[in-house]
C-alpha cells in the first residue's frame, strides 16, 4: 500500500549527475541516464562553444556519477616540469 514518496524524485541508479566546466554553452551540473557517455554530457550542456578543442576528450567514454568533465581547457602541466631556480 505504499505510494511513491519523495524518494522517488531523487537521482536513482537510472541517472547520473555530472558537472561540466569549460567551453560549453551551459556549464554546470547536468543529469544524464546511467550508461551515458561524454558526448551525452556535452549535449546536455548545450554543446561545445565554437572553437572549443574537444580533440582530447574521449567522447565514447562512459561517465560516472559525480564526475567533472572539463571541455576545451588545456591540461595542467605535470608537477616539476617548470624551472627549479638557482
C-alpha atoms as a PDB file:
ATOM      1  CA  UNK A   1       0.000   0.000   0.000  1.00  0.00           C
ATOM      2  CA  UNK A   2       2.993   2.275  -0.348  1.00  0.00           C
ATOM      3  CA  UNK A   3       2.715   5.165  -2.754  1.00  0.00           C
ATOM      4  CA  UNK A   4       5.765   6.662  -4.394  1.00  0.00           C
ATOM      5  CA  UNK A   5       7.088   9.193  -1.922  1.00  0.00           C
ATOM      6  CA  UNK A   6       9.718  11.910  -2.087  1.00  0.00           C
ATOM      7  CA  UNK A   7      12.470   9.318  -2.515  1.00  0.00           C
ATOM      8  CA  UNK A   8      11.114   8.561  -5.981  1.00  0.00           C
ATOM      9  CA  UNK A   9      12.171  12.025  -7.173  1.00  0.00           C
ATOM     10  CA  UNK A  10      15.798  11.623  -6.085  1.00  0.00           C
ATOM     11  CA  UNK A  11      18.533  10.698  -8.520  1.00  0.00           C
ATOM     12  CA  UNK A  12      18.489   6.940  -8.808  1.00  0.00           C
ATOM     13  CA  UNK A  13      20.656   4.253 -10.320  1.00  0.00           C
ATOM     14  CA  UNK A  14      18.952   5.128 -13.605  1.00  0.00           C
ATOM     15  CA  UNK A  15      20.558   8.574 -13.809  1.00  0.00           C
ATOM     16  CA  UNK A  16      23.921  10.230 -13.186  1.00  0.00           C
ATOM     17  CA  UNK A  17      24.724  13.763 -12.040  1.00  0.00           C
ATOM     18  CA  UNK A  18      27.799  15.157 -13.798  1.00  0.00           C
ATOM     19  CA  UNK A  19      29.458  18.581 -13.551  1.00  0.00           C
ATOM     20  CA  UNK A  20      30.544  20.226 -16.812  1.00  0.00           C
ATOM     21  CA  UNK A  21      33.009  23.102 -16.953  1.00  0.00           C
ATOM     22  CA  UNK A  22      34.989  24.935 -19.581  1.00  0.00           C
ATOM     23  CA  UNK A  23      33.936  25.911 -23.056  1.00  0.00           C
ATOM     24  CA  UNK A  24      30.331  24.709 -23.222  1.00  0.00           C
ATOM     25  CA  UNK A  25      27.155  26.708 -23.755  1.00  0.00           C
ATOM     26  CA  UNK A  26      25.689  25.885 -20.332  1.00  0.00           C
ATOM     27  CA  UNK A  27      28.400  24.936 -17.801  1.00  0.00           C
ATOM     28  CA  UNK A  28      27.141  23.498 -14.544  1.00  0.00           C
ATOM     29  CA  UNK A  29      25.531  20.308 -13.329  1.00  0.00           C
ATOM     30  CA  UNK A  30      23.608  18.066 -15.735  1.00  0.00           C
ATOM     31  CA  UNK A  31      21.657  14.860 -15.248  1.00  0.00           C
ATOM     32  CA  UNK A  32      22.137  12.102 -17.817  1.00  0.00           C
ATOM     33  CA  UNK A  33      20.906   8.500 -17.987  1.00  0.00           C
ATOM     34  CA  UNK A  34      23.005   5.733 -16.446  1.00  0.00           C
ATOM     35  CA  UNK A  35      25.440   4.444 -19.053  1.00  0.00           C
ATOM     36  CA  UNK A  36      25.774   7.909 -20.635  1.00  0.00           C
ATOM     37  CA  UNK A  37      28.960   8.861 -22.406  1.00  0.00           C
ATOM     38  CA  UNK A  38      30.958  12.095 -22.595  1.00  0.00           C
ATOM     39  CA  UNK A  39      29.140  13.018 -25.841  1.00  0.00           C
ATOM     40  CA  UNK A  40      25.809  12.799 -23.978  1.00  0.00           C
ATOM     41  CA  UNK A  41      27.132  15.103 -21.249  1.00  0.00           C
ATOM     42  CA  UNK A  42      28.271  17.614 -23.885  1.00  0.00           C
ATOM     43  CA  UNK A  43      24.812  17.568 -25.478  1.00  0.00           C
ATOM     44  CA  UNK A  44      23.156  18.051 -22.077  1.00  0.00           C
ATOM     45  CA  UNK A  45      25.383  21.115 -21.525  1.00  0.00           C
ATOM     46  CA  UNK A  46      24.273  22.636 -24.834  1.00  0.00           C
ATOM     47  CA  UNK A  47      27.314  21.527 -26.804  1.00  0.00           C
ATOM     48  CA  UNK A  48      30.818  22.940 -27.021  1.00  0.00           C
ATOM     49  CA  UNK A  49      31.324  26.620 -27.791  1.00  0.00           C
ATOM     50  CA  UNK A  50      32.581  27.493 -31.275  1.00  0.00           C
ATOM     51  CA  UNK A  51      36.318  26.960 -31.452  1.00  0.00           C
ATOM     52  CA  UNK A  52      36.451  24.745 -28.350  1.00  0.00           C
ATOM     53  CA  UNK A  53      39.033  21.998 -28.779  1.00  0.00           C
ATOM     54  CA  UNK A  54      37.355  18.700 -27.926  1.00  0.00           C
ATOM     55  CA  UNK A  55      40.016  16.602 -29.646  1.00  0.00           C
ATOM     56  CA  UNK A  56      41.497  15.411 -26.347  1.00  0.00           C
ATOM     57  CA  UNK A  57      38.140  14.215 -24.986  1.00  0.00           C
ATOM     58  CA  UNK A  58      37.183  10.582 -25.431  1.00  0.00           C
ATOM     59  CA  UNK A  59      33.589  11.214 -26.477  1.00  0.00           C
ATOM     60  CA  UNK A  60      32.771   7.491 -26.278  1.00  0.00           C
ATOM     61  CA  UNK A  61      33.909   7.083 -22.634  1.00  0.00           C
ATOM     62  CA  UNK A  62      31.185   6.276 -20.107  1.00  0.00           C
ATOM     63  CA  UNK A  63      30.868   8.834 -17.321  1.00  0.00           C
ATOM     64  CA  UNK A  64      30.444   8.205 -13.593  1.00  0.00           C
ATOM     65  CA  UNK A  65      28.100   9.825 -11.106  1.00  0.00           C
ATOM     66  CA  UNK A  66      29.721  12.889  -9.534  1.00  0.00           C
ATOM     67  CA  UNK A  67      32.339  13.242 -12.263  1.00  0.00           C
ATOM     68  CA  UNK A  68      33.665  16.539 -13.624  1.00  0.00           C
ATOM     69  CA  UNK A  69      34.016  16.823 -17.409  1.00  0.00           C
ATOM     70  CA  UNK A  70      36.182  19.775 -18.492  1.00  0.00           C
ATOM     71  CA  UNK A  71      35.811  20.904 -22.100  1.00  0.00           C
ATOM     72  CA  UNK A  72      38.332  22.795 -24.218  1.00  0.00           C
ATOM     73  CA  UNK A  73      40.734  23.685 -21.424  1.00  0.00           C
ATOM     74  CA  UNK A  74      44.452  22.913 -21.637  1.00  0.00           C
ATOM     75  CA  UNK A  75      45.730  20.095 -19.483  1.00  0.00           C
ATOM     76  CA  UNK A  76      47.638  21.128 -16.381  1.00  0.00           C
ATOM     77  CA  UNK A  77      51.422  20.938 -16.644  1.00  0.00           C
ATOM     78  CA  UNK A  78      52.908  17.997 -14.755  1.00  0.00           C
ATOM     79  CA  UNK A  79      54.479  18.855 -11.398  1.00  0.00           C
ATOM     80  CA  UNK A  80      58.184  19.548 -11.648  1.00  0.00           C
ATOM     81  CA  UNK A  81      58.103  20.495 -15.311  1.00  0.00           C
ATOM     82  CA  UNK A  82      58.996  24.122 -14.609  1.00  0.00           C
ATOM     83  CA  UNK A  83      62.307  25.741 -13.799  1.00  0.00           C
ATOM     84  CA  UNK A  84      63.778  24.766 -10.448  1.00  0.00           C
ATOM     85  CA  UNK A  85      65.517  28.106  -9.910  1.00  0.00           C
ATOM     86  CA  UNK A  86      69.011  28.529  -8.530  1.00  0.00           C
END
